[in-house]
Amino acid sequence: MDTMSNQISHKGIIDSISRGVVHVRIVQSSACSSCKVASYCNSAESKEKIIDVKCSDTQQYTVGQDVTVMAAPSVGAKAVVLAFIIPTIILLATIAICVSSGVSDGISALAGVLSLVPYYIGLYLYRNRLEQILTFYLA
């Protein structure tokens, strides 16, 4: 990930193109995966991901083309808040409320996990709105 010029960028290869969407395959790797001895080390890891980039003019792209997927830093911050910070707050608040009310630890933990179900259902229901907020573009 490169944050030069206040942009988040990943190099990738166009995997497929559908109506108005370019599907780009990127390799997300840990910091040590580029090490020369990474193949001998268990801690080196990399994952392939497909990023969907909405594009009004898909004719200018071809499958197999090298591209750079970019996003504003605020997109990354919003994603972290939605994916990690809010669920953590919900989980901990639910557990704290249950424990302070005298509920057993096991039931409190279960209630904490179950309290995330409505949150993730809400994210799913608002996925179209989130696609408008968390946008990527090709450079």
Protein backbone atom coordinates (compact mmCIF):
# COMPACT_ATOMS: atom_id res chain seq x y z
CA MET A 1 0.00 0.00 0.00
CA ASP A 2 1.37 3.35 -1.02
CA THR A 3 0.17 6.58 0.58
CA MET A 4 2.16 8.98 -1.56
CA SER A 5 0.22 12.10 -2.54
CA ASN A 6 -2.41 11.31 0.12
CA GLN A 7 -3.83 8.36 -1.81
CA ILE A 8 -4.07 4.69 -0.93
CA SER A 9 -3.06 2.58 -3.91
CA HIS A 10 -2.63 -1.08 -4.81
CA LYS A 11 -1.28 -2.45 -8.06
CA GLY A 12 -3.44 -5.14 -9.59
CA ILE A 13 -4.49 -6.98 -12.72
CA ILE A 14 -7.94 -6.78 -14.27
CA ASP A 15 -9.60 -10.13 -13.62
CA SER A 16 -12.86 -9.50 -15.44
CA ILE A 17 -15.11 -6.73 -16.69
CA SER A 18 -18.88 -6.62 -16.37
CA ARG A 19 -21.48 -3.93 -16.96
CA GLY A 20 -20.03 -0.80 -15.41
CA VAL A 21 -17.67 -2.68 -13.07
CA VAL A 22 -14.01 -3.60 -13.46
CA HIS A 23 -12.97 -6.49 -11.20
CA VAL A 24 -9.30 -6.08 -10.22
CA ARG A 25 -7.25 -8.82 -8.55
CA ILE A 26 -4.74 -7.47 -6.04
CA VAL A 27 -2.29 -9.32 -3.85
CA GLN A 28 -2.44 -8.07 -0.29
CA SER A 29 0.79 -9.06 1.38
CA SER A 30 2.28 -8.71 4.80
CA ALA A 31 5.43 -6.63 5.25
CA CYS A 32 7.69 -9.67 5.37
CA SER A 33 6.35 -11.46 2.28
CA SER A 34 8.82 -9.61 0.05
CA CYS A 35 11.73 -10.90 2.11
CA LYS A 36 14.18 -13.23 0.32
CA VAL A 37 13.70 -15.95 2.94
CA ALA A 38 9.93 -15.56 3.17
CA SER A 39 9.35 -18.97 1.55
CA TYR A 40 11.12 -20.59 4.52
CA CYS A 41 9.22 -18.62 7.12
CA ASN A 42 5.73 -19.37 8.41
CA SER A 43 4.93 -15.74 9.23
CA ALA A 44 5.05 -14.52 5.61
CA GLU A 45 1.59 -14.42 4.12
CA SER A 46 -0.21 -12.91 1.16
CA LYS A 47 -3.85 -12.98 0.10
CA GLU A 48 -5.47 -12.37 -3.24
CA LYS A 49 -8.50 -10.10 -3.22
CA ILE A 50 -10.90 -8.98 -5.91
CA ILE A 51 -11.79 -5.29 -5.78
CA ASP A 52 -14.86 -4.09 -7.68
CA VAL A 53 -14.31 -0.66 -9.21
CA LYS A 54 -17.31 1.09 -10.73
CA CYS A 55 -16.35 2.64 -14.04
CA SER A 56 -18.50 4.45 -16.59
CA ASP A 57 -16.14 3.67 -19.52
CA THR A 58 -15.12 0.02 -19.24
CA GLN A 59 -14.14 -0.20 -22.95
CA GLN A 60 -10.76 1.38 -22.21
CA TYR A 61 -9.76 -1.62 -20.07
CA THR A 62 -8.94 -5.21 -21.00
CA VAL A 63 -8.71 -8.41 -18.97
CA GLY A 64 -5.11 -8.98 -17.86
CA GLN A 65 -4.21 -5.28 -17.96
CA ASP A 66 -2.06 -3.92 -15.13
CA VAL A 67 -3.83 -1.11 -13.25
CA THR A 68 -3.59 0.74 -9.98
CA VAL A 69 -6.64 0.79 -7.70
CA MET A 70 -6.75 4.00 -5.68
CA ALA A 71 -8.83 5.45 -2.85
CA ALA A 72 -8.72 8.49 -0.64
CA PRO A 73 -7.29 7.93 2.86
CA SER A 74 -10.70 8.79 4.30
CA VAL A 75 -12.11 5.67 2.65
CA GLY A 76 -9.67 3.51 4.61
CA ALA A 77 -10.49 5.31 7.84
CA LYS A 78 -14.24 4.88 7.31
CA ALA A 79 -13.77 1.18 6.55
CA VAL A 80 -11.77 0.67 9.76
CA VAL A 81 -14.43 2.43 11.82
CA LEU A 82 -17.24 0.37 10.28
CA ALA A 83 -15.41 -2.97 10.36
CA PHE A 84 -13.54 -2.80 13.68
CA ILE A 85 -14.20 0.14 15.96
CA ILE A 86 -18.02 0.19 16.03
CA PRO A 87 -18.36 -3.61 16.44
CA THR A 88 -15.78 -3.57 19.25
CA ILE A 89 -17.67 -0.82 21.07
CA ILE A 90 -20.98 -2.68 20.69
CA LEU A 91 -19.42 -5.94 21.90
CA LEU A 92 -17.67 -4.44 24.93
CA ALA A 93 -20.64 -2.25 25.91
CA THR A 94 -23.01 -5.21 25.79
CA ILE A 95 -20.68 -7.38 27.88
CA ALA A 96 -20.13 -4.57 30.41
CA ILE A 97 -23.86 -3.93 30.77
CA CYS A 98 -24.59 -7.64 31.21
CA VAL A 99 -21.81 -8.19 33.77
CA SER A 100 -22.77 -5.09 35.76
CA SER A 101 -26.37 -6.37 35.79
CA GLY A 102 -25.24 -9.60 37.42
CA VAL A 103 -25.46 -11.85 34.36
CA SER A 104 -22.94 -14.72 34.29
CA ASP A 105 -19.76 -14.30 32.27
CA GLY A 106 -20.70 -16.96 29.72
CA ILE A 107 -24.13 -15.48 29.05
CA SER A 108 -22.60 -11.98 28.91
CA ALA A 109 -20.10 -13.12 26.29
CA LEU A 110 -22.85 -14.79 24.28
CA ALA A 111 -24.99 -11.64 24.50
CA GLY A 112 -22.00 -9.58 23.32
CA VAL A 113 -21.52 -11.74 20.25
CA LEU A 114 -25.26 -11.84 19.52
CA SER A 115 -25.45 -8.03 19.82
CA LEU A 116 -23.34 -7.82 16.67
CA VAL A 117 -25.93 -9.65 14.56
CA PRO A 118 -28.22 -6.61 14.13
CA TYR A 119 -25.20 -4.43 13.34
CA TYR A 120 -23.99 -6.71 10.56
CA ILE A 121 -27.54 -7.12 9.23
CA GLY A 122 -27.72 -3.31 9.12
CA LEU A 123 -24.44 -3.12 7.20
CA TYR A 124 -25.80 -5.68 4.74
CA LEU A 125 -29.05 -3.79 4.27
CA TYR A 126 -27.18 -0.53 3.66
CA ARG A 127 -24.55 -2.09 1.40
CA ASN A 128 -25.63 -0.02 -1.63
CA ARG A 129 -25.21 3.19 0.35
CA LEU A 130 -21.84 1.99 1.64
CA GLU A 131 -20.71 1.31 -1.95
CA GLN A 132 -21.28 5.01 -2.66
CA ILE A 133 -19.25 6.05 0.40
CA LEU A 134 -16.41 3.53 0.11
CA THR A 135 -15.37 4.09 -3.50
CA PHE A 136 -12.29 3.12 -5.48
CA TYR A 137 -11.06 4.34 -8.83
CA LEU A 138 -8.48 3.23 -11.39
CA ALA A 139 -5.34 5.15 -12.22
